[in-house]
C-alpha atoms as a PDB file:
ATOM      1  CA  MET A   1     -12.712  -0.450  24.684  1.00  0.00           C
ATOM      2  CA  GLN A   2     -12.447  -2.526  21.070  1.00  0.00           C
ATOM      3  CA  LYS A   3     -14.595  -1.941  18.433  1.00  0.00           C
ATOM      4  CA  ASN A   4     -15.628  -3.723  15.152  1.00  0.00           C
ATOM      5  CA  ILE A   5     -16.532  -1.629  12.108  1.00  0.00           C
ATOM      6  CA  LEU A   6     -17.718  -3.435   9.080  1.00  0.00           C
ATOM      7  CA  ILE A   7     -16.159  -2.034   5.699  1.00  0.00           C
ATOM      8  CA  ALA A   8     -17.548  -3.419   2.488  1.00  0.00           C
ATOM      9  CA  VAL A   9     -17.202  -2.629  -1.583  1.00  0.00           C
ATOM     10  CA  SER A  10     -20.798  -1.977  -2.974  1.00  0.00           C
ATOM     11  CA  GLY A  11     -21.572  -1.769  -6.916  1.00  0.00           C
ATOM     12  CA  LEU A  12     -25.001  -1.710  -8.277  1.00  0.00           C
ATOM     13  CA  THR A  13     -26.578  -4.584  -5.326  1.00  0.00           C
ATOM     14  CA  PRO A  14     -26.433  -2.940  -1.948  1.00  0.00           C
ATOM     15  CA  GLN A  15     -27.800  -6.447  -0.584  1.00  0.00           C
ATOM     16  CA  ILE A  16     -24.280  -7.668   0.111  1.00  0.00           C
ATOM     17  CA  ILE A  17     -23.998  -5.002   2.487  1.00  0.00           C
ATOM     18  CA  THR A  18     -27.135  -5.943   4.690  1.00  0.00           C
ATOM     19  CA  GLU A  19     -26.237 -10.033   3.916  1.00  0.00           C
ATOM     20  CA  THR A  20     -22.786  -9.668   4.895  1.00  0.00           C
ATOM     21  CA  LEU A  21     -23.808  -7.280   8.454  1.00  0.00           C
ATOM     22  CA  TYR A  22     -26.354 -11.091   8.942  1.00  0.00           C
ATOM     23  CA  CYS A  23     -23.530 -12.720   8.942  1.00  0.00           C
ATOM     24  CA  LEU A  24     -21.364 -11.149  10.953  1.00  0.00           C
ATOM     25  CA  ALA A  25     -23.817  -9.760  13.626  1.00  0.00           C
ATOM     26  CA  VAL A  26     -26.483 -12.800  13.464  1.00  0.00           C
ATOM     27  CA  LYS A  27     -24.499 -15.711  12.153  1.00  0.00           C
ATOM     28  CA  LYS A  28     -21.444 -15.393  13.576  1.00  0.00           C
ATOM     29  CA  LYS A  29     -22.167 -13.355  16.810  1.00  0.00           C
ATOM     30  CA  ILE A  30     -20.039 -10.213  16.109  1.00  0.00           C
ATOM     31  CA  GLN A  31     -21.223  -6.820  17.391  1.00  0.00           C
ATOM     32  CA  ILE A  32     -21.143  -4.498  14.523  1.00  0.00           C
ATOM     33  CA  ASP A  33     -20.096  -0.856  15.807  1.00  0.00           C
ATOM     34  CA  GLU A  34     -19.434   1.110  12.580  1.00  0.00           C
ATOM     35  CA  LEU A  35     -20.577   0.477   9.099  1.00  0.00           C
ATOM     36  CA  TYR A  36     -18.241   2.300   6.058  1.00  0.00           C
ATOM     37  CA  ILE A  37     -19.810   1.334   2.695  1.00  0.00           C
ATOM     38  CA  ILE A  38     -16.868   2.223   0.165  1.00  0.00           C
ATOM     39  CA  THR A  39     -18.674   2.833  -3.986  1.00  0.00           C
ATOM     40  CA  THR A  40     -18.877   4.853  -6.962  1.00  0.00           C
ATOM     41  CA  SER A  41     -21.414   7.988  -7.210  1.00  0.00           C
ATOM     42  CA  LYS A  42     -23.980   5.568  -8.859  1.00  0.00           C
ATOM     43  CA  GLY A  43     -23.628   2.939  -6.089  1.00  0.00           C
ATOM     44  CA  ARG A  44     -24.108   5.557  -3.770  1.00  0.00           C
ATOM     45  CA  ASP A  45     -27.789   6.972  -5.353  1.00  0.00           C
ATOM     46  CA  ILE A  46     -28.525   3.772  -4.899  1.00  0.00           C
ATOM     47  CA  ILE A  47     -27.801   3.554  -1.559  1.00  0.00           C
ATOM     48  CA  PHE A  48     -29.433   6.588  -0.580  1.00  0.00           C
ATOM     49  CA  GLY A  49     -32.356   5.132  -2.825  1.00  0.00           C
ATOM     50  CA  THR A  50     -32.590   8.199  -5.312  1.00  0.00           C
ATOM     51  CA  ASP A  51     -31.408   6.162  -9.002  1.00  0.00           C
ATOM     52  CA  GLU A  52     -34.185   6.378 -11.116  1.00  0.00           C
ATOM     53  CA  GLU A  53     -33.257   3.004 -12.505  1.00  0.00           C
ATOM     54  CA  PHE A  54     -32.621   0.742  -9.547  1.00  0.00           C
ATOM     55  CA  ASN A  55     -34.559   2.472  -7.017  1.00  0.00           C
ATOM     56  CA  ILE A  56     -37.883   3.839  -8.983  1.00  0.00           C
ATOM     57  CA  LYS A  57     -37.486   1.710 -11.655  1.00  0.00           C
ATOM     58  CA  ARG A  58     -36.888  -1.743  -9.966  1.00  0.00           C
ATOM     59  CA  LYS A  59     -37.936  -0.769  -6.474  1.00  0.00           C
ATOM     60  CA  TYR A  60     -34.673  -1.154  -4.794  1.00  0.00           C
ATOM     61  CA  PRO A  61     -35.392   0.344  -0.772  1.00  0.00           C
ATOM     62  CA  PRO A  62     -32.664   2.678   0.547  1.00  0.00           C
ATOM     63  CA  LEU A  63     -30.288   0.753   2.560  1.00  0.00           C
ATOM     64  CA  LYS A  64     -30.337   2.576   5.498  1.00  0.00           C
ATOM     65  CA  ARG A  65     -34.009   1.094   5.991  1.00  0.00           C
ATOM     66  CA  GLU A  66     -33.311  -2.206   5.430  1.00  0.00           C
ATOM     67  CA  ILE A  67     -30.717  -2.240   7.543  1.00  0.00           C
ATOM     68  CA  LYS A  68     -32.903  -0.705  10.595  1.00  0.00           C
ATOM     69  CA  ARG A  69     -35.362  -3.574   9.346  1.00  0.00           C
ATOM     70  CA  LEU A  70     -32.347  -6.048  10.065  1.00  0.00           C
ATOM     71  CA  CYS A  71     -31.256  -4.658  13.384  1.00  0.00           C
ATOM     72  CA  ASP A  72     -34.936  -4.787  14.767  1.00  0.00           C
ATOM     73  CA  THR A  73     -36.243  -8.354  13.338  1.00  0.00           C
ATOM     74  CA  TYR A  74     -32.716 -10.067  14.624  1.00  0.00           C
ATOM     75  CA  LYS A  75     -32.395  -8.013  17.741  1.00  0.00           C
ATOM     76  CA  ILE A  76     -28.849  -6.344  17.219  1.00  0.00           C
ATOM     77  CA  LYS A  77     -27.009  -3.353  17.671  1.00  0.00           C
ATOM     78  CA  PHE A  78     -28.177  -0.471  14.777  1.00  0.00           C
ATOM     79  CA  PRO A  79     -24.041  -0.076  13.965  1.00  0.00           C
ATOM     80  CA  LYS A  80     -23.027   3.590  13.330  1.00  0.00           C
ATOM     81  CA  PHE A  81     -24.135   4.494   9.961  1.00  0.00           C
ATOM     82  CA  ASP A  82     -25.238   7.867   8.171  1.00  0.00           C
ATOM     83  CA  ASN A  83     -25.939   8.736   4.858  1.00  0.00           C
ATOM     84  CA  ASN A  84     -23.075  11.284   4.498  1.00  0.00           C
ATOM     85  CA  ASP A  85     -19.311  11.421   3.118  1.00  0.00           C
ATOM     86  CA  ASN A  86     -18.315  10.130   6.186  1.00  0.00           C
ATOM     87  CA  HIS A  87     -19.728   6.352   5.953  1.00  0.00           C
ATOM     88  CA  ILE A  88     -20.354   6.483   2.243  1.00  0.00           C
ATOM     89  CA  ILE A  89     -17.074   6.754   0.563  1.00  0.00           C
ATOM     90  CA  THR A  90     -16.139   7.519  -3.071  1.00  0.00           C
ATOM     91  CA  ALA A  91     -13.785   7.408  -4.990  1.00  0.00           C
ATOM     92  CA  LYS A  92     -13.167  11.116  -6.537  1.00  0.00           C
ATOM     93  CA  GLU A  93     -11.394  12.471 -10.198  1.00  0.00           C
ATOM     94  CA  GLN A  94     -10.391  15.989  -9.128  1.00  0.00           C
ATOM     95  CA  SER A  95     -13.008  16.701  -6.834  1.00  0.00           C
ATOM     96  CA  THR A  96     -15.693  15.271  -9.046  1.00  0.00           C
ATOM     97  CA  ASP A  97     -17.377  11.558  -8.248  1.00  0.00           C
ATOM     98  CA  LEU A  98     -16.094   8.612  -9.986  1.00  0.00           C
ATOM     99  CA  TYR A  99     -19.538   7.731 -11.792  1.00  0.00           C
ATOM    100  CA  ASP A 100     -18.412   3.896 -12.404  1.00  0.00           C
ATOM    101  CA  ILE A 101     -14.843   2.172 -12.681  1.00  0.00           C
ATOM    102  CA  ARG A 102     -14.608   1.515 -15.977  1.00  0.00           C
ATOM    103  CA  ASN A 103     -10.780   2.874 -17.485  1.00  0.00           C
ATOM    104  CA  ASP A 104      -7.385   2.756 -16.718  1.00  0.00           C
ATOM    105  CA  LYS A 105      -7.150   6.144 -15.044  1.00  0.00           C
ATOM    106  CA  HIS A 106      -9.830   5.115 -12.694  1.00  0.00           C
ATOM    107  CA  ASN A 107      -8.123   1.617 -11.768  1.00  0.00           C
ATOM    108  CA  LYS A 108      -5.263   3.766 -10.400  1.00  0.00           C
ATOM    109  CA  LEU A 109      -7.614   6.317  -8.884  1.00  0.00           C
ATOM    110  CA  PHE A 110      -9.760   4.205  -6.939  1.00  0.00           C
ATOM    111  CA  PRO A 111      -7.276   1.909  -5.243  1.00  0.00           C
ATOM    112  CA  ASN A 112      -5.763   5.020  -3.678  1.00  0.00           C
ATOM    113  CA  LYS A 113      -9.548   6.475  -2.498  1.00  0.00           C
ATOM    114  CA  VAL A 114      -9.550   2.717  -0.679  1.00  0.00           C
ATOM    115  CA  CYS A 115      -5.801   2.827   0.646  1.00  0.00           C
ATOM    116  CA  GLU A 116      -6.018   6.398   1.932  1.00  0.00           C
ATOM    117  CA  PHE A 117      -9.212   4.996   4.353  1.00  0.00           C
ATOM    118  CA  ILE A 118      -8.111   1.787   5.166  1.00  0.00           C
ATOM    119  CA  LYS A 119      -4.755   3.257   6.032  1.00  0.00           C
ATOM    120  CA  ASP A 120      -6.800   5.973   8.267  1.00  0.00           C
ATOM    121  CA  LYS A 121      -9.052   3.292  10.059  1.00  0.00           C
ATOM    122  CA  THR A 122      -5.881   0.851  11.286  1.00  0.00           C
ATOM    123  CA  ARG A 123      -4.548   3.611  12.830  1.00  0.00           C
ATOM    124  CA  ASN A 124      -6.602   2.911  15.827  1.00  0.00           C
ATOM    125  CA  LYS A 125      -5.253   0.220  17.211  1.00  0.00           C
ATOM    126  CA  VAL A 126      -8.485  -1.299  19.326  1.00  0.00           C
ATOM    127  CA  THR A 127     -10.708  -1.169  16.194  1.00  0.00           C
ATOM    128  CA  ILE A 128     -11.223  -4.980  14.359  1.00  0.00           C
ATOM    129  CA  LEU A 129     -11.337  -4.214  10.333  1.00  0.00           C
ATOM    130  CA  HIS A 130     -14.059  -6.380   9.259  1.00  0.00           C
ATOM    131  CA  CYS A 131     -13.411  -5.980   5.231  1.00  0.00           C
ATOM    132  CA  SER A 132     -16.089  -7.770   2.690  1.00  0.00           C
ATOM    133  CA  ILE A 133     -15.017  -8.142  -0.798  1.00  0.00           C
ATOM    134  CA  SER A 134     -18.447  -9.125  -2.176  1.00  0.00           C
ATOM    135  CA  GLY A 135     -20.080  -6.633  -3.811  1.00  0.00           C
ATOM    136  CA  GLY A 136     -19.112  -3.914  -6.382  1.00  0.00           C
ATOM    137  CA  ARG A 137     -16.691  -4.786  -9.143  1.00  0.00           C
ATOM    138  CA  LYS A 138     -14.096  -7.009  -9.217  1.00  0.00           C
ATOM    139  CA  THR A 139     -11.445  -4.679  -9.541  1.00  0.00           C
ATOM    140  CA  MET A 140     -12.749  -2.485  -6.237  1.00  0.00           C
ATOM    141  CA  SER A 141     -12.592  -6.089  -4.522  1.00  0.00           C
ATOM    142  CA  VAL A 142      -9.133  -6.584  -5.576  1.00  0.00           C
ATOM    143  CA  ASP A 143      -8.333  -3.344  -4.109  1.00  0.00           C
ATOM    144  CA  LEU A 144      -9.976  -3.446  -1.153  1.00  0.00           C
ATOM    145  CA  ALA A 145      -7.882  -6.904  -0.036  1.00  0.00           C
ATOM    146  CA  PHE A 146      -4.979  -5.269  -1.776  1.00  0.00           C
ATOM    147  CA  ALA A 147      -5.329  -2.090   0.823  1.00  0.00           C
ATOM    148  CA  LEU A 148      -6.211  -4.945   3.327  1.00  0.00           C
ATOM    149  CA  SER A 149      -2.802  -6.622   2.609  1.00  0.00           C
ATOM    150  CA  LEU A 150      -0.951  -3.414   2.971  1.00  0.00           C
ATOM    151  CA  PHE A 151      -2.137  -1.606   5.908  1.00  0.00           C
ATOM    152  CA  GLY A 152      -4.167  -4.308   7.858  1.00  0.00           C
ATOM    153  CA  LYS A 153      -2.956  -5.270  11.417  1.00  0.00           C
ATOM    154  CA  GLN A 154      -2.960  -8.864  12.904  1.00  0.00           C
ATOM    155  CA  GLU A 155      -6.716  -9.375  14.107  1.00  0.00           C
ATOM    156  CA  ASP A 156      -7.838  -7.588  10.898  1.00  0.00           C
ATOM    157  CA  LYS A 157     -10.568  -9.822   8.917  1.00  0.00           C
ATOM    158  CA  LEU A 158     -11.004 -10.453   4.985  1.00  0.00           C
ATOM    159  CA  TYR A 159     -14.294 -11.829   4.118  1.00  0.00           C
ATOM    160  CA  HIS A 160     -16.324 -13.012   1.474  1.00  0.00           C
ATOM    161  CA  VAL A 161     -20.206 -14.149   1.233  1.00  0.00           C
ATOM    162  CA  LEU A 162     -21.522 -16.484  -0.574  1.00  0.00           C
ATOM    163  CA  ILE A 163     -25.220 -16.691  -1.421  1.00  0.00           C
ATOM    164  CA  ASP A 164     -27.125 -19.288  -3.449  1.00  0.00           C
ATOM    165  CA  GLU A 165     -28.991 -17.849  -6.446  1.00  0.00           C
ATOM    166  CA  LYS A 166     -32.390 -18.683  -4.716  1.00  0.00           C
ATOM    167  CA  LEU A 167     -31.984 -15.910  -2.232  1.00  0.00           C
ATOM    168  CA  GLU A 168     -29.467 -13.674  -4.758  1.00  0.00           C
ATOM    169  CA  PHE A 169     -31.657 -10.310  -5.950  1.00  0.00           C
ATOM    170  CA  SER A 170     -35.015 -11.520  -4.150  1.00  0.00           C
ATOM    171  CA  LYS A 171     -34.222  -9.823  -0.499  1.00  0.00           C
ATOM    172  CA  PHE A 172     -31.652  -8.181   1.674  1.00  0.00           C
ATOM    173  CA  PHE A 173     -31.257 -10.490   4.699  1.00  0.00           C
ATOM    174  CA  PRO A 174     -32.768 -13.955   5.143  1.00  0.00           C
ATOM    175  CA  GLU A 175     -35.859 -13.913   7.135  1.00  0.00           C
ATOM    176  CA  ASN A 176     -36.310 -17.449   8.255  1.00  0.00           C
ATOM    177  CA  LYS A 177     -34.150 -20.678   8.413  1.00  0.00           C
ATOM    178  CA  LYS A 178     -34.355 -21.817   5.194  1.00  0.00           C
ATOM    179  CA  GLU A 179     -33.168 -18.245   3.703  1.00  0.00           C
ATOM    180  CA  ASP A 180     -30.549 -18.779   6.311  1.00  0.00           C
ATOM    181  CA  ALA A 181     -29.296 -21.716   4.958  1.00  0.00           C
ATOM    182  CA  LEU A 182     -28.955 -19.961   2.142  1.00  0.00           C
ATOM    183  CA  LEU A 183     -25.766 -17.809   3.310  1.00  0.00           C
ATOM    184  CA  GLU A 184     -22.311 -18.091   4.093  1.00  0.00           C
ATOM    185  CA  ILE A 185     -19.406 -16.177   5.169  1.00  0.00           C
ATOM    186  CA  ALA A 186     -15.586 -17.429   4.843  1.00  0.00           C
ATOM    187  CA  GLU A 187     -12.638 -16.186   5.992  1.00  0.00           C
ATOM    188  CA  ILE A 188     -10.097 -15.261   3.376  1.00  0.00           C
ATOM    189  CA  PRO A 189      -6.600 -15.189   4.778  1.00  0.00           C
ATOM    190  CA  TYR A 190      -4.481 -12.498   3.205  1.00  0.00           C
ATOM    191  CA  VAL A 191      -0.615 -11.989   3.379  1.00  0.00           C
ATOM    192  CA  LYS A 192       0.085  -9.063   5.846  1.00  0.00           C
ATOM    193  CA  LEU A 193       2.798  -6.746   4.224  1.00  0.00           C
ATOM    194  CA  ARG A 194       2.396  -4.094   7.084  1.00  0.00           C
ATOM    195  CA  PRO A 195       5.141  -4.699   9.485  1.00  0.00           C
ATOM    196  CA  LEU A 196       7.432  -5.717   6.421  1.00  0.00           C
ATOM    197  CA  ILE A 197       6.560  -2.511   4.538  1.00  0.00           C
ATOM    198  CA  ALA A 198       6.784  -0.248   7.616  1.00  0.00           C
ATOM    199  CA  GLU A 199      10.459  -1.508   8.498  1.00  0.00           C
ATOM    200  CA  GLN A 200      11.446  -0.765   5.150  1.00  0.00           C
ATOM    201  CA  THR A 201       9.623   2.465   5.192  1.00  0.00           C
ATOM    202  CA  GLU A 202      10.692   3.516   8.574  1.00  0.00           C
ATOM    203  CA  ASN A 203       7.188   4.001   9.349  1.00  0.00           C
ATOM    204  CA  LYS A 204       7.186   7.893   9.146  1.00  0.00           C
ATOM    205  CA  ALA A 205       7.419   7.734   5.231  1.00  0.00           C
ATOM    206  CA  PHE A 206       4.866   4.417   5.047  1.00  0.00           C
ATOM    207  CA  LYS A 207       2.183   6.242   6.862  1.00  0.00           C
ATOM    208  CA  SER A 208       1.915   9.158   4.072  1.00  0.00           C
ATOM    209  CA  MET A 209       2.418   6.981   1.200  1.00  0.00           C
ATOM    210  CA  SER A 210      -0.509   6.084  -1.313  1.00  0.00           C
ATOM    211  CA  TYR A 211      -1.439   3.210  -2.551  1.00  0.00           C
ATOM    212  CA  THR A 212       0.605   3.637  -5.858  1.00  0.00           C
ATOM    213  CA  ASP A 213       3.502   4.683  -3.984  1.00  0.00           C
ATOM    214  CA  ILE A 214       3.903   1.545  -2.190  1.00  0.00           C
ATOM    215  CA  VAL A 215       3.376  -0.091  -5.294  1.00  0.00           C
ATOM    216  CA  ASN A 216       6.055   1.624  -7.223  1.00  0.00           C
ATOM    217  CA  TYR A 217       8.353   1.639  -3.804  1.00  0.00           C
ATOM    218  CA  MET A 218       8.415  -2.271  -3.387  1.00  0.00           C
ATOM    219  CA  GLN A 219       8.384  -2.979  -7.295  1.00  0.00           C
ATOM    220  CA  ARG A 220      11.668  -0.834  -6.849  1.00  0.00           C
ATOM    221  CA  GLN A 221      12.759  -2.946  -4.104  1.00  0.00           C
ATOM    222  CA  LEU A 222      12.471  -6.354  -5.488  1.00  0.00           C
ATOM    223  CA  LYS A 223      14.183  -4.902  -8.747  1.00  0.00           C
ATOM    224  CA  ILE A 224      17.209  -3.559  -6.993  1.00  0.00           C
ATOM    225  CA  LYS A 225      17.271  -7.340  -4.395  1.00  0.00           C
ATOM    226  CA  SER A 226      17.523  -9.278  -7.905  1.00  0.00           C
ATOM    227  CA  SER A 227      19.925  -6.754 -10.227  1.00  0.00           C
ATOM    228  CA  ASP A 228      23.084  -7.646 -10.887  1.00  0.00           C
ATOM    229  CA  LYS A 229      26.401  -6.585  -9.453  1.00  0.00           C
ATOM    230  CA  LEU A 230      28.856  -3.684 -10.052  1.00  0.00           C
ATOM    231  CA  TYR A 231      32.126  -5.094 -10.792  1.00  0.00           C
ATOM    232  CA  ILE A 232      35.476  -3.110 -10.173  1.00  0.00           C
ATOM    233  CA  SER A 233      38.629  -3.544 -11.182  1.00  0.00           C
ATOM    234  CA  LYS A 234      40.786  -1.579  -9.207  1.00  0.00           C
ATOM    235  CA  LYS A 235      44.292  -2.700 -12.100  1.00  0.00           C
ATOM    236  CA  ARG A 236      42.187  -0.705 -15.364  1.00  0.00           C
ATOM    237  CA  ASN A 237      40.518   1.372 -13.214  1.00  0.00           C
ATOM    238  CA  GLU A 238      36.818   0.414 -14.360  1.00  0.00           C
ATOM    239  CA  ILE A 239      33.688  -0.446 -13.269  1.00  0.00           C
ATOM    240  CA  TRP A 240      30.860  -2.094 -15.047  1.00  0.00           C
ATOM    241  CA  PHE A 241      27.370  -2.968 -13.428  1.00  0.00           C
ATOM    242  CA  GLY A 242      26.502  -6.804 -15.060  1.00  0.00           C
ATOM    243  CA  GLU A 243      26.433  -7.028 -19.215  1.00  0.00           C
ATOM    244  CA  ASN A 244      26.928  -3.046 -19.396  1.00  0.00           C
ATOM    245  CA  GLU A 245      29.787  -1.214 -21.209  1.00  0.00           C
ATOM    246  CA  ARG A 246      32.682  -0.891 -19.051  1.00  0.00           C
ATOM    247  CA  VAL A 247      33.620   2.921 -17.557  1.00  0.00           C
ATOM    248  CA  LYS A 248      36.582   4.030 -16.765  1.00  0.00           C
ATOM    249  CA  MET A 249      37.335   6.489 -13.611  1.00  0.00           C
ATOM    250  CA  LEU A 250      40.492   8.324 -12.454  1.00  0.00           C
ATOM    251  CA  PRO A 251      42.955   6.222 -10.257  1.00  0.00           C
ATOM    252  CA  LYS A 252      42.028   8.799  -6.798  1.00  0.00           C
ATOM    253  CA  GLU A 253      38.129   8.549  -7.879  1.00  0.00           C
ATOM    254  CA  LEU A 254      38.387   4.565  -7.963  1.00  0.00           C
ATOM    255  CA  MET A 255      40.261   4.761  -4.254  1.00  0.00           C
ATOM    256  CA  MET A 256      38.126   6.706  -2.928  1.00  0.00           C
ATOM    257  CA  TYR A 257      35.145   4.462  -4.339  1.00  0.00           C
ATOM    258  CA  THR A 258      36.123   1.458  -2.784  1.00  0.00           C
ATOM    259  CA  TYR A 259      37.353   2.819   0.250  1.00  0.00           C
ATOM    260  CA  PHE A 260      33.818   3.343   1.065  1.00  0.00           C
ATOM    261  CA  ILE A 261      32.883  -0.224  -0.022  1.00  0.00           C
ATOM    262  CA  GLU A 262      35.949  -1.290   2.036  1.00  0.00           C
ATOM    263  CA  ARG A 263      34.832   0.130   5.434  1.00  0.00           C
ATOM    264  CA  LYS A 264      30.929  -0.844   4.984  1.00  0.00           C
ATOM    265  CA  ASN A 265      32.510  -4.512   4.839  1.00  0.00           C
ATOM    266  CA  SER A 266      33.932  -3.648   8.032  1.00  0.00           C
ATOM    267  CA  GLY A 267      31.192  -2.641   9.674  1.00  0.00           C
ATOM    268  CA  PHE A 268      31.202   1.156   9.229  1.00  0.00           C
ATOM    269  CA  PRO A 269      28.217   1.899   6.729  1.00  0.00           C
ATOM    270  CA  SER A 270      28.978   6.180   6.712  1.00  0.00           C
ATOM    271  CA  LEU A 271      31.602   8.435   7.496  1.00  0.00           C
ATOM    272  CA  HIS A 272      31.795  11.974   8.207  1.00  0.00           C
ATOM    273  CA  ILE A 273      32.587  14.395   5.912  1.00  0.00           C
ATOM    274  CA  ASN A 274      35.327  16.351   7.907  1.00  0.00           C
ATOM    275  CA  ASP A 275      36.985  12.837   8.296  1.00  0.00           C
ATOM    276  CA  ILE A 276      36.788  11.856   3.962  1.00  0.00           C
ATOM    277  CA  ALA A 277      38.654  15.216   3.887  1.00  0.00           C
ATOM    278  CA  LYS A 278      41.275  14.327   6.296  1.00  0.00           C
ATOM    279  CA  GLU A 279      41.793  10.579   5.110  1.00  0.00           C
ATOM    280  CA  PHE A 280      42.348  11.774   1.196  1.00  0.00           C
ATOM    281  CA  TYR A 281      43.374  15.426   1.434  1.00  0.00           C
ATOM    282  CA  ASN A 282      45.377  15.387   4.848  1.00  0.00           C
ATOM    283  CA  ASP A 283      42.853  18.486   5.951  1.00  0.00           C
ATOM    284  CA  SER A 284      39.680  17.867   7.723  1.00  0.00           C
ATOM    285  CA  LYS A 285      38.291  21.401   6.456  1.00  0.00           C
ATOM    286  CA  GLU A 286      38.778  20.205   2.391  1.00  0.00           C
ATOM    287  CA  VAL A 287      35.207  19.544   2.240  1.00  0.00           C
ATOM    288  CA  ASP A 288      34.456  21.222  -1.356  1.00  0.00           C
ATOM    289  CA  ASN A 289      37.301  18.700  -2.482  1.00  0.00           C
ATOM    290  CA  VAL A 290      35.316  15.839  -1.326  1.00  0.00           C
ATOM    291  CA  TYR A 291      31.932  16.982  -2.498  1.00  0.00           C
ATOM    292  CA  THR A 292      33.341  17.678  -6.221  1.00  0.00           C
ATOM    293  CA  LYS A 293      35.373  13.524  -6.076  1.00  0.00           C
ATOM    294  CA  ILE A 294      31.966  12.527  -4.943  1.00  0.00           C
ATOM    295  CA  SER A 295      29.867  14.190  -7.874  1.00  0.00           C
ATOM    296  CA  LYS A 296      32.088  12.826 -10.457  1.00  0.00           C
ATOM    297  CA  ILE A 297      32.484   9.447  -9.001  1.00  0.00           C
ATOM    298  CA  ASN A 298      28.707   9.440  -8.911  1.00  0.00           C
ATOM    299  CA  ASN A 299      28.366  10.504 -12.418  1.00  0.00           C
ATOM    300  CA  HIS A 300      30.373   7.292 -13.393  1.00  0.00           C
ATOM    301  CA  ILE A 301      28.094   5.035 -11.464  1.00  0.00           C
ATOM    302  CA  ARG A 302      24.765   6.282 -13.295  1.00  0.00           C
ATOM    303  CA  LYS A 303      26.966   5.745 -16.165  1.00  0.00           C
ATOM    304  CA  ALA A 304      27.638   2.687 -15.459  1.00  0.00           C
ATOM    305  CA  ILE A 305      24.670   1.165 -14.327  1.00  0.00           C
ATOM    306  CA  ASN A 306      21.540   3.581 -16.428  1.00  0.00           C
ATOM    307  CA  ASP A 307      18.853   2.326 -14.306  1.00  0.00           C
ATOM    308  CA  ILE A 308      17.363   5.299 -12.510  1.00  0.00           C
ATOM    309  CA  ASP A 309      15.495   2.512 -10.193  1.00  0.00           C
ATOM    310  CA  THR A 310      18.870   1.094  -8.947  1.00  0.00           C
ATOM    311  CA  GLU A 311      21.733   3.324  -9.517  1.00  0.00           C
ATOM    312  CA  SER A 312      21.308   5.237  -5.964  1.00  0.00           C
ATOM    313  CA  ILE A 313      22.142   2.253  -3.520  1.00  0.00           C
ATOM    314  CA  PHE A 314      25.648   2.318  -5.785  1.00  0.00           C
ATOM    315  CA  MET A 315      26.650   5.845  -5.447  1.00  0.00           C
ATOM    316  CA  ILE A 316      28.288   7.726  -2.586  1.00  0.00           C
ATOM    317  CA  MET A 317      24.763   9.268  -0.942  1.00  0.00           C
ATOM    318  CA  GLY A 318      24.825  11.551   1.797  1.00  0.00           C
ATOM    319  CA  PRO A 319      22.978  13.315   5.344  1.00  0.00           C
ATOM    320  CA  ALA A 320      19.375  11.699   3.778  1.00  0.00           C
ATOM    321  CA  GLU A 321      20.301   8.784   4.141  1.00  0.00           C
ATOM    322  CA  PHE A 322      23.030   8.672   6.753  1.00  0.00           C
ATOM    323  CA  GLY A 323      22.599  11.461   8.762  1.00  0.00           C
ATOM    324  CA  THR A 324      24.151  14.734   9.455  1.00  0.00           C
ATOM    325  CA  SER A 325      27.392  14.857   7.416  1.00  0.00           C
ATOM    326  CA  GLN A 326      27.789  11.303   7.267  1.00  0.00           C
ATOM    327  CA  TYR A 327      28.332   9.785   3.737  1.00  0.00           C
ATOM    328  CA  GLY A 328      27.844   6.281   2.876  1.00  0.00           C
ATOM    329  CA  ILE A 329      26.960   3.553   0.290  1.00  0.00           C
ATOM    330  CA  ILE A 330      23.111   2.000   0.394  1.00  0.00           C
ATOM    331  CA  ALA A 331      23.944  -1.042  -1.140  1.00  0.00           C
ATOM    332  CA  ASP A 332      24.587  -4.456   0.886  1.00  0.00           C
ATOM    333  CA  THR A 333      28.631  -5.208   0.024  1.00  0.00           C
ATOM    334  CA  GLU A 334      27.523  -8.632  -2.014  1.00  0.00           C
ATOM    335  CA  LYS A 335      26.397  -6.521  -4.363  1.00  0.00           C
ATOM    336  CA  PHE A 336      30.176  -5.248  -5.401  1.00  0.00           C
ATOM    337  CA  GLU A 337      32.803  -7.446  -6.785  1.00  0.00           C
ATOM    338  CA  LEU A 338      36.442  -6.286  -6.324  1.00  0.00           C
ATOM    339  CA  LEU A 339      38.617  -7.486  -9.220  1.00  0.00           C
END
């Protein structure tokens, strides 16, 4: 059974939560089944109604009371929402709630928290996420939008609520037709990267990756895609990467390396370790010599490329990439120039 979930970021103005709920449930007739709020510890206190500045001095009511009043006024379903950590998600720094999002460290912790939550909520195929980026600091809204772009399913939605200044801060939701006209909701198109990233990371790894992991992974992939070629001179027994210095290799080392490249070019990306031993030592049991040779070749590759993000795709890699006892090169053949 389909379930609609509203997820919103909130800072010091929890009115945006009831305004978004009003737009979806009253104006767009979408029944919201569950509500989740992503905020800071101060934002959570305001939602609870316990903040001295906002709730006591400025008379902000507890958010849950206003949600109930909205639902009673317009006869809509009260979404599942409780004043606890299950429904009010706060970013933490070593188990301590973040009071606000202000520095570089917080701006790394918060997106990881948001992505972790969105990733969890997108696991259920029958749920539709309705994500509002109208509340909280701008960085918080950006984090939610990025999280949905990375993990969102095809049917998940991203919104921005537009509020006329006549209504802003004065009420938690419109209470008549005149006020209704002052509130609009806009659906924002976003790039859905989930299928692409999941395919690249073979799904299993994708499910355990944090926001920071994914950003770093994709940056490495982009760097690799735009990297230079590895040039190989059989005549001089040299390799070089782009404009880097040339690196000398022994003829037998270069012969083994080019053998892997030529096999890949013929449609064979990897080879069993025993077959490599048989090819170069006429004995399938000479695997120790193969391991030694591969290690020396890879040291030359590292020296030639001199870039930790790029070197691995040009090196001879083993079972972790190709399966049990299999060895090969990850880079596409167009990344090599045999001279």
